[in-house]
Amino acid sequence: MSDRRAYTRLEMHAGVFIIRGETAFLTEVSNVSAGGVSVVRPENWQEDPDGIYHLYFVLDPDRILCLKGSVVHESVDHLGFTFAKGYAIQSEQLLAESRTWL
């Protein structure tokens, strides 16, 4: 069975804050692509079906990259987010960063 994803995924392990309104979750990135990101599902996760989330990627103590996204896949241990339109430059920055983590 072939992978039907629109973008190639790159493995990346970095911290990410997922923020919706006044609720924040801290978790870890599993992989990233130009179109979205897969993260480890936070223990107390509560999805907002209509929610747009701010994803703050902690690249190092002095650099944090923010992208907006929404949940497109949810499993017991992972969440898949798609990036909102208008974040192409930021998603390319994140992909470039992931390449340095290999």
Protein backbone atom coordinates (compact mmCIF):
# COMPACT_ATOMS: atom_id res chain seq x y z
CA MET A 1 0.00 0.00 0.00
CA SER A 2 1.52 3.33 -1.03
CA ASP A 3 1.57 6.46 1.10
CA ARG A 4 -1.04 8.91 -0.16
CA ARG A 5 0.21 11.94 1.74
CA ALA A 6 0.62 15.12 -0.27
CA TYR A 7 3.96 16.00 1.34
CA THR A 8 7.03 14.01 2.32
CA ARG A 9 7.46 13.74 6.08
CA LEU A 10 10.72 14.27 7.88
CA GLU A 11 11.40 12.95 11.36
CA MET A 12 11.90 15.68 13.95
CA HIS A 13 11.91 15.65 17.72
CA ALA A 14 11.33 19.08 19.24
CA GLY A 15 9.09 20.52 21.89
CA VAL A 16 5.85 22.17 20.82
CA PHE A 17 3.24 24.12 22.74
CA ILE A 18 -0.29 23.68 21.37
CA ILE A 19 -2.42 26.64 22.40
CA ARG A 20 -6.15 27.24 21.98
CA GLY A 21 -7.56 30.23 23.80
CA GLU A 22 -6.26 30.03 27.36
CA THR A 23 -5.52 26.29 27.22
CA ALA A 24 -2.00 25.09 26.49
CA PHE A 25 -0.50 21.64 26.00
CA LEU A 26 3.21 20.83 25.92
CA THR A 27 4.21 17.84 23.80
CA GLU A 28 6.79 16.64 21.26
CA VAL A 29 6.91 16.69 17.46
CA SER A 30 7.23 13.28 15.76
CA ASN A 31 7.49 14.37 12.14
CA VAL A 32 6.91 17.40 9.97
CA SER A 33 6.07 18.15 6.35
CA ALA A 34 5.38 21.28 4.30
CA GLY A 35 1.67 20.79 4.97
CA GLY A 36 1.55 19.79 8.62
CA VAL A 37 2.96 18.08 11.65
CA SER A 38 2.43 14.96 13.73
CA VAL A 39 2.81 15.29 17.51
CA VAL A 40 2.60 13.01 20.49
CA ARG A 41 -0.93 13.29 21.88
CA PRO A 42 -0.89 15.21 25.18
CA GLU A 43 -2.20 13.21 28.15
CA ASN A 44 -5.14 15.55 28.91
CA TRP A 45 -5.97 16.41 25.29
CA GLN A 46 -9.43 17.81 24.59
CA GLU A 47 -10.02 18.64 20.95
CA ASP A 48 -12.10 21.58 19.84
CA PRO A 49 -13.64 20.31 16.56
CA ASP A 50 -13.82 23.83 15.13
CA GLY A 51 -10.56 24.90 16.69
CA ILE A 52 -7.65 26.68 15.18
CA TYR A 53 -4.55 26.13 17.27
CA HIS A 54 -1.34 28.08 17.62
CA LEU A 55 1.63 25.70 17.48
CA TYR A 56 4.79 27.10 19.08
CA PHE A 57 7.80 25.02 18.08
CA VAL A 58 10.70 25.32 20.54
CA LEU A 59 13.74 25.05 18.29
CA ASP A 60 16.15 26.08 21.03
CA PRO A 61 15.90 28.33 24.11
CA ASP A 62 16.21 31.48 22.00
CA ARG A 63 14.12 30.51 18.95
CA ILE A 64 10.44 29.68 18.87
CA LEU A 65 8.49 29.42 15.61
CA CYS A 66 4.69 29.85 15.55
CA LEU A 67 2.29 28.38 12.99
CA LYS A 68 -1.48 28.09 13.05
CA GLY A 69 -3.14 24.78 12.31
CA SER A 70 -6.11 22.49 12.82
CA VAL A 71 -6.42 18.82 13.75
CA VAL A 72 -6.94 16.51 10.76
CA HIS A 73 -6.06 13.18 12.39
CA GLU A 74 -6.41 11.92 15.93
CA SER A 75 -5.31 8.57 17.37
CA VAL A 76 -4.66 7.19 20.82
CA ASP A 77 -1.03 8.33 20.81
CA HIS A 78 -0.67 10.96 18.04
CA LEU A 79 -2.34 14.05 16.61
CA GLY A 80 -1.98 15.25 13.03
CA PHE A 81 -2.23 18.97 12.31
CA THR A 82 -2.48 20.69 8.97
CA PHE A 83 -0.98 24.16 8.74
CA ALA A 84 -3.30 27.06 7.98
CA LYS A 85 -2.94 28.86 4.66
CA GLY A 86 -0.49 31.73 4.70
CA TYR A 87 2.22 29.91 6.67
CA ALA A 88 4.33 28.64 3.77
CA ILE A 89 7.43 30.59 4.82
CA GLN A 90 7.18 29.38 8.42
CA SER A 91 6.59 25.77 7.38
CA GLU A 92 9.68 25.95 5.13
CA GLN A 93 11.66 27.32 8.09
CA LEU A 94 10.46 24.40 10.21
CA LEU A 95 11.39 21.90 7.48
CA ALA A 96 14.83 23.46 7.14
CA GLU A 97 15.26 23.18 10.89
CA SER A 98 14.18 19.54 10.87
CA ARG A 99 16.93 18.74 8.38
CA THR A 100 19.54 19.96 10.85
CA TRP A 101 18.17 17.53 13.47
CA LEU A 102 19.01 14.43 11.41
